[in-house]
Amino acid sequence: MTVEVALSVMAGAGVAYLLVCDEDDQCTDSVTAAQLAVVRAGSAYTDRVRVRDVLARRRSPGVLALSG
């Protein structure tokens, strides 16, 4: 799911965060609308950035965040 779609889903559902599940439907993480908004406002953002990319960067020490 892209960041843009995730933000739209959150806005439509009136929620502040999404739970992220793996292929076995196990909850692995969560992401907030505020976190995604920061990514979307960043200079590295494109409409192809996916939520999993945001989460991977957040977990990887030494990797620059999309928000710069």
PDB file of N, CA and C in Angstrom:
ATOM      1  N   MET A   1       0.847  -1.161   0.000  1.00  0.00           N
ATOM      2  CA  MET A   1       0.000   0.000   0.000  1.00  0.00           C
ATOM      3  C   MET A   1       0.901   1.234   0.000  1.00  0.00           C
ATOM      4  N   THR A   2       0.557   2.189  -0.831  1.00  0.00           N
ATOM      5  CA  THR A   2       1.351   3.412  -0.874  1.00  0.00           C
ATOM      6  C   THR A   2       0.999   4.318   0.300  1.00  0.00           C
ATOM      7  N   VAL A   3       1.877   5.259   0.565  1.00  0.00           N
ATOM      8  CA  VAL A   3       1.644   6.230   1.631  1.00  0.00           C
ATOM      9  C   VAL A   3       0.364   7.006   1.356  1.00  0.00           C
ATOM     10  N   GLU A   4       0.167   7.406   0.119  1.00  0.00           N
ATOM     11  CA  GLU A   4      -1.022   8.189  -0.238  1.00  0.00           C
ATOM     12  C   GLU A   4      -2.309   7.401   0.013  1.00  0.00           C
ATOM     13  N   VAL A   5      -2.320   6.138  -0.374  1.00  0.00           N
ATOM     14  CA  VAL A   5      -3.499   5.292  -0.144  1.00  0.00           C
ATOM     15  C   VAL A   5      -3.717   5.096   1.354  1.00  0.00           C
ATOM     16  N   ALA A   6      -2.649   4.858   2.092  1.00  0.00           N
ATOM     17  CA  ALA A   6      -2.770   4.672   3.542  1.00  0.00           C
ATOM     18  C   ALA A   6      -3.371   5.909   4.201  1.00  0.00           C
ATOM     19  N   LEU A   7      -2.917   7.085   3.801  1.00  0.00           N
ATOM     20  CA  LEU A   7      -3.464   8.319   4.366  1.00  0.00           C
ATOM     21  C   LEU A   7      -4.935   8.487   4.005  1.00  0.00           C
ATOM     22  N   SER A   8      -5.302   8.109   2.795  1.00  0.00           N
ATOM     23  CA  SER A   8      -6.710   8.189   2.385  1.00  0.00           C
ATOM     24  C   SER A   8      -7.578   7.221   3.183  1.00  0.00           C
ATOM     25  N   VAL A   9      -7.079   6.008   3.391  1.00  0.00           N
ATOM     26  CA  VAL A   9      -7.816   5.015   4.185  1.00  0.00           C
ATOM     27  C   VAL A   9      -8.010   5.530   5.605  1.00  0.00           C
ATOM     28  N   MET A  10      -6.951   6.074   6.187  1.00  0.00           N
ATOM     29  CA  MET A  10      -7.038   6.607   7.549  1.00  0.00           C
ATOM     30  C   MET A  10      -8.045   7.745   7.639  1.00  0.00           C
ATOM     31  N   ALA A  11      -7.995   8.651   6.676  1.00  0.00           N
ATOM     32  CA  ALA A  11      -8.927   9.785   6.680  1.00  0.00           C
ATOM     33  C   ALA A  11     -10.364   9.301   6.536  1.00  0.00           C
ATOM     34  N   GLY A  12     -10.588   8.354   5.640  1.00  0.00           N
ATOM     35  CA  GLY A  12     -11.929   7.824   5.423  1.00  0.00           C
ATOM     36  C   GLY A  12     -12.475   7.074   6.622  1.00  0.00           C
ATOM     37  N   ALA A  13     -11.587   6.380   7.324  1.00  0.00           N
ATOM     38  CA  ALA A  13     -12.005   5.602   8.494  1.00  0.00           C
ATOM     39  C   ALA A  13     -12.013   6.437   9.770  1.00  0.00           C
ATOM     40  N   GLY A  14     -11.432   7.616   9.694  1.00  0.00           N
ATOM     41  CA  GLY A  14     -11.375   8.470  10.874  1.00  0.00           C
ATOM     42  C   GLY A  14     -10.475   7.934  11.970  1.00  0.00           C
ATOM     43  N   VAL A  15      -9.357   7.320  11.559  1.00  0.00           N
ATOM     44  CA  VAL A  15      -8.419   6.757  12.533  1.00  0.00           C
ATOM     45  C   VAL A  15      -7.073   7.473  12.439  1.00  0.00           C
ATOM     46  N   ALA A  16      -6.308   7.401  13.507  1.00  0.00           N
ATOM     47  CA  ALA A  16      -5.017   8.077  13.559  1.00  0.00           C
ATOM     48  C   ALA A  16      -3.848   7.151  13.230  1.00  0.00           C
ATOM     49  N   TYR A  17      -4.102   5.839  13.185  1.00  0.00           N
ATOM     50  CA  TYR A  17      -3.018   4.904  12.886  1.00  0.00           C
ATOM     51  C   TYR A  17      -3.557   3.659  12.191  1.00  0.00           C
ATOM     52  N   LEU A  18      -2.643   2.947  11.537  1.00  0.00           N
ATOM     53  CA  LEU A  18      -2.954   1.663  10.912  1.00  0.00           C
ATOM     54  C   LEU A  18      -2.063   0.598  11.522  1.00  0.00           C
ATOM     55  N   LEU A  19      -2.624  -0.580  11.708  1.00  0.00           N
ATOM     56  CA  LEU A  19      -1.822  -1.734  12.094  1.00  0.00           C
ATOM     57  C   LEU A  19      -1.316  -2.384  10.815  1.00  0.00           C
ATOM     58  N   VAL A  20      -0.056  -2.755  10.809  1.00  0.00           N
ATOM     59  CA  VAL A  20       0.560  -3.369   9.641  1.00  0.00           C
ATOM     60  C   VAL A  20       0.706  -4.855   9.925  1.00  0.00           C
ATOM     61  N   CYS A  21       0.185  -5.680   9.015  1.00  0.00           N
ATOM     62  CA  CYS A  21       0.212  -7.137   9.193  1.00  0.00           C
ATOM     63  C   CYS A  21       1.049  -7.791   8.105  1.00  0.00           C
ATOM     64  N   ASP A  22       1.605  -8.954   8.428  1.00  0.00           N
ATOM     65  CA  ASP A  22       2.365  -9.715   7.444  1.00  0.00           C
ATOM     66  C   ASP A  22       1.431 -10.634   6.660  1.00  0.00           C
ATOM     67  N   GLU A  23       2.022 -11.478   5.815  1.00  0.00           N
ATOM     68  CA  GLU A  23       1.223 -12.365   4.966  1.00  0.00           C
ATOM     69  C   GLU A  23       0.456 -13.418   5.758  1.00  0.00           C
ATOM     70  N   ASP A  24       0.835 -13.623   7.022  1.00  0.00           N
ATOM     71  CA  ASP A  24       0.123 -14.562   7.893  1.00  0.00           C
ATOM     72  C   ASP A  24      -0.900 -13.856   8.778  1.00  0.00           C
ATOM     73  N   ASP A  25      -1.199 -12.608   8.459  1.00  0.00           N
ATOM     74  CA  ASP A  25      -2.141 -11.780   9.220  1.00  0.00           C
ATOM     75  C   ASP A  25      -1.711 -11.551  10.663  1.00  0.00           C
ATOM     76  N   GLN A  26      -0.413 -11.576  10.899  1.00  0.00           N
ATOM     77  CA  GLN A  26       0.131 -11.264  12.217  1.00  0.00           C
ATOM     78  C   GLN A  26       0.528  -9.791  12.241  1.00  0.00           C
ATOM     79  N   CYS A  27       0.078  -9.076  13.255  1.00  0.00           N
ATOM     80  CA  CYS A  27       0.415  -7.661  13.379  1.00  0.00           C
ATOM     81  C   CYS A  27       1.917  -7.530  13.626  1.00  0.00           C
ATOM     82  N   THR A  28       2.583  -6.760  12.784  1.00  0.00           N
ATOM     83  CA  THR A  28       4.029  -6.614  12.897  1.00  0.00           C
ATOM     84  C   THR A  28       4.462  -5.208  13.283  1.00  0.00           C
ATOM     85  N   ASP A  29       3.588  -4.233  13.080  1.00  0.00           N
ATOM     86  CA  ASP A  29       3.963  -2.846  13.353  1.00  0.00           C
ATOM     87  C   ASP A  29       2.722  -1.975  13.271  1.00  0.00           C
ATOM     88  N   SER A  30       2.912  -0.711  13.527  1.00  0.00           N
ATOM     89  CA  SER A  30       1.845   0.264  13.322  1.00  0.00           C
ATOM     90  C   SER A  30       2.475   1.532  12.771  1.00  0.00           C
ATOM     91  N   VAL A  31       1.661   2.332  12.135  1.00  0.00           N
ATOM     92  CA  VAL A  31       2.141   3.590  11.569  1.00  0.00           C
ATOM     93  C   VAL A  31       1.044   4.629  11.758  1.00  0.00           C
ATOM     94  N   THR A  32       1.444   5.839  12.113  1.00  0.00           N
ATOM     95  CA  THR A  32       0.465   6.896  12.350  1.00  0.00           C
ATOM     96  C   THR A  32       0.337   7.799  11.130  1.00  0.00           C
ATOM     97  N   ALA A  33      -0.768   8.482  11.075  1.00  0.00           N
ATOM     98  CA  ALA A  33      -0.980   9.455  10.002  1.00  0.00           C
ATOM     99  C   ALA A  33       0.080  10.546  10.075  1.00  0.00           C
ATOM    100  N   ALA A  34       0.458  10.936  11.272  1.00  0.00           N
ATOM    101  CA  ALA A  34       1.484  11.972  11.435  1.00  0.00           C
ATOM    102  C   ALA A  34       2.825  11.513  10.861  1.00  0.00           C
ATOM    103  N   GLN A  35       3.196  10.254  11.096  1.00  0.00           N
ATOM    104  CA  GLN A  35       4.448   9.724  10.544  1.00  0.00           C
ATOM    105  C   GLN A  35       4.412   9.731   9.020  1.00  0.00           C
ATOM    106  N   LEU A  36       3.291   9.311   8.461  1.00  0.00           N
ATOM    107  CA  LEU A  36       3.174   9.276   7.005  1.00  0.00           C
ATOM    108  C   LEU A  36       3.135  10.679   6.413  1.00  0.00           C
ATOM    109  N   ALA A  37       2.542  11.615   7.122  1.00  0.00           N
ATOM    110  CA  ALA A  37       2.492  12.998   6.641  1.00  0.00           C
ATOM    111  C   ALA A  37       3.894  13.599   6.569  1.00  0.00           C
ATOM    112  N   VAL A  38       4.743  13.259   7.525  1.00  0.00           N
ATOM    113  CA  VAL A  38       6.128  13.734   7.503  1.00  0.00           C
ATOM    114  C   VAL A  38       6.850  13.177   6.283  1.00  0.00           C
ATOM    115  N   VAL A  39       6.646  11.901   6.007  1.00  0.00           N
ATOM    116  CA  VAL A  39       7.267  11.274   4.835  1.00  0.00           C
ATOM    117  C   VAL A  39       6.771  11.945   3.560  1.00  0.00           C
ATOM    118  N   ARG A  40       5.464  12.158   3.469  1.00  0.00           N
ATOM    119  CA  ARG A  40       4.880  12.764   2.270  1.00  0.00           C
ATOM    120  C   ARG A  40       5.414  14.176   2.044  1.00  0.00           C
ATOM    121  N   ALA A  41       5.716  14.894   3.100  1.00  0.00           N
ATOM    122  CA  ALA A  41       6.232  16.260   2.983  1.00  0.00           C
ATOM    123  C   ALA A  41       7.724  16.302   2.661  1.00  0.00           C
ATOM    124  N   GLY A  42       8.399  15.163   2.751  1.00  0.00           N
ATOM    125  CA  GLY A  42       9.840  15.110   2.526  1.00  0.00           C
ATOM    126  C   GLY A  42      10.226  15.254   1.065  1.00  0.00           C
ATOM    127  N   SER A  43      11.439  15.698   0.835  1.00  0.00           N
ATOM    128  CA  SER A  43      11.919  15.937  -0.527  1.00  0.00           C
ATOM    129  C   SER A  43      12.106  14.646  -1.325  1.00  0.00           C
ATOM    130  N   ALA A  44      12.275  13.507  -0.659  1.00  0.00           N
ATOM    131  CA  ALA A  44      12.475  12.230  -1.352  1.00  0.00           C
ATOM    132  C   ALA A  44      11.161  11.531  -1.686  1.00  0.00           C
ATOM    133  N   TYR A  45      10.047  12.127  -1.313  1.00  0.00           N
ATOM    134  CA  TYR A  45       8.744  11.475  -1.503  1.00  0.00           C
ATOM    135  C   TYR A  45       8.340  11.429  -2.974  1.00  0.00           C
ATOM    136  N   THR A  46       7.826  10.273  -3.386  1.00  0.00           N
ATOM    137  CA  THR A  46       7.140  10.128  -4.672  1.00  0.00           C
ATOM    138  C   THR A  46       5.851   9.367  -4.397  1.00  0.00           C
ATOM    139  N   ASP A  47       4.964   9.350  -5.366  1.00  0.00           N
ATOM    140  CA  ASP A  47       3.694   8.643  -5.166  1.00  0.00           C
ATOM    141  C   ASP A  47       3.862   7.124  -5.174  1.00  0.00           C
ATOM    142  N   ARG A  48       5.083   6.653  -5.310  1.00  0.00           N
ATOM    143  CA  ARG A  48       5.346   5.209  -5.294  1.00  0.00           C
ATOM    144  C   ARG A  48       5.900   4.709  -3.963  1.00  0.00           C
ATOM    145  N   VAL A  49       6.128   5.609  -3.024  1.00  0.00           N
ATOM    146  CA  VAL A  49       6.644   5.202  -1.710  1.00  0.00           C
ATOM    147  C   VAL A  49       5.578   4.388  -0.997  1.00  0.00           C
ATOM    148  N   ARG A  50       5.982   3.228  -0.513  1.00  0.00           N
ATOM    149  CA  ARG A  50       5.051   2.311   0.143  1.00  0.00           C
ATOM    150  C   ARG A  50       5.241   2.360   1.658  1.00  0.00           C
ATOM    151  N   VAL A  51       4.199   2.014   2.369  1.00  0.00           N
ATOM    152  CA  VAL A  51       4.251   2.000   3.832  1.00  0.00           C
ATOM    153  C   VAL A  51       5.362   1.074   4.307  1.00  0.00           C
ATOM    154  N   ARG A  52       5.530  -0.072   3.675  1.00  0.00           N
ATOM    155  CA  ARG A  52       6.583  -1.004   4.107  1.00  0.00           C
ATOM    156  C   ARG A  52       7.970  -0.379   3.963  1.00  0.00           C
ATOM    157  N   ASP A  53       8.164   0.502   2.964  1.00  0.00           N
ATOM    158  CA  ASP A  53       9.445   1.191   2.806  1.00  0.00           C
ATOM    159  C   ASP A  53       9.689   2.154   3.963  1.00  0.00           C
ATOM    160  N   VAL A  54       8.643   2.834   4.372  1.00  0.00           N
ATOM    161  CA  VAL A  54       8.739   3.756   5.508  1.00  0.00           C
ATOM    162  C   VAL A  54       9.115   2.985   6.770  1.00  0.00           C
ATOM    163  N   LEU A  55       8.452   1.861   6.992  1.00  0.00           N
ATOM    164  CA  LEU A  55       8.723   1.053   8.183  1.00  0.00           C
ATOM    165  C   LEU A  55      10.127   0.464   8.146  1.00  0.00           C
ATOM    166  N   ALA A  56      10.580   0.031   6.985  1.00  0.00           N
ATOM    167  CA  ALA A  56      11.924  -0.545   6.859  1.00  0.00           C
ATOM    168  C   ALA A  56      12.985   0.499   7.181  1.00  0.00           C
ATOM    169  N   ARG A  57      12.795   1.707   6.715  1.00  0.00           N
ATOM    170  CA  ARG A  57      13.759   2.771   6.999  1.00  0.00           C
ATOM    171  C   ARG A  57      13.751   3.142   8.476  1.00  0.00           C
ATOM    172  N   ARG A  58      12.579   3.075   9.080  1.00  0.00           N
ATOM    173  CA  ARG A  58      12.458   3.404  10.499  1.00  0.00           C
ATOM    174  C   ARG A  58      13.190   2.370  11.356  1.00  0.00           C
ATOM    175  N   ARG A  59      13.225   1.123  10.917  1.00  0.00           N
ATOM    176  CA  ARG A  59      13.853   0.038  11.686  1.00  0.00           C
ATOM    177  C   ARG A  59      15.343  -0.101  11.426  1.00  0.00           C
ATOM    178  N   SER A  60      15.837   0.464  10.343  1.00  0.00           N
ATOM    179  CA  SER A  60      17.223   0.244   9.940  1.00  0.00           C
ATOM    180  C   SER A  60      18.128   1.375  10.417  1.00  0.00           C
ATOM    181  N   PRO A  61      18.972   1.106  11.411  1.00  0.00           N
ATOM    182  CA  PRO A  61      19.898   2.149  11.864  1.00  0.00           C
ATOM    183  C   PRO A  61      20.878   2.500  10.757  1.00  0.00           C
ATOM    184  N   GLY A  62      21.192   3.754  10.651  1.00  0.00           N
ATOM    185  CA  GLY A  62      22.152   4.192   9.650  1.00  0.00           C
ATOM    186  C   GLY A  62      21.547   4.489   8.298  1.00  0.00           C
ATOM    187  N   VAL A  63      20.257   4.259   8.132  1.00  0.00           N
ATOM    188  CA  VAL A  63      19.596   4.559   6.867  1.00  0.00           C
ATOM    189  C   VAL A  63      18.903   5.898   7.010  1.00  0.00           C
ATOM    190  N   LEU A  64      19.110   6.763   6.051  1.00  0.00           N
ATOM    191  CA  LEU A  64      18.490   8.079   6.109  1.00  0.00           C
ATOM    192  C   LEU A  64      16.987   7.968   5.976  1.00  0.00           C
ATOM    193  N   ALA A  65      16.278   8.729   6.754  1.00  0.00           N
ATOM    194  CA  ALA A  65      14.820   8.761   6.678  1.00  0.00           C
ATOM    195  C   ALA A  65      14.396   9.520   5.436  1.00  0.00           C
ATOM    196  N   LEU A  66      13.241   9.175   4.912  1.00  0.00           N
ATOM    197  CA  LEU A  66      12.725   9.861   3.736  1.00  0.00           C
ATOM    198  C   LEU A  66      12.480  11.333   3.995  1.00  0.00           C
ATOM    199  N   SER A  67      12.202  11.694   5.233  1.00  0.00           N
ATOM    200  CA  SER A  67      11.892  13.080   5.543  1.00  0.00           C
ATOM    201  C   SER A  67      13.141  13.950   5.602  1.00  0.00           C
ATOM    202  N   GLY A  68      14.291  13.310   5.456  1.00  0.00           N
ATOM    203  CA  GLY A  68      15.540  14.039   5.378  1.00  0.00           C
ATOM    204  C   GLY A  68      15.888  14.677   6.656  1.00  0.00           C
TER     205      GLY A  68
END
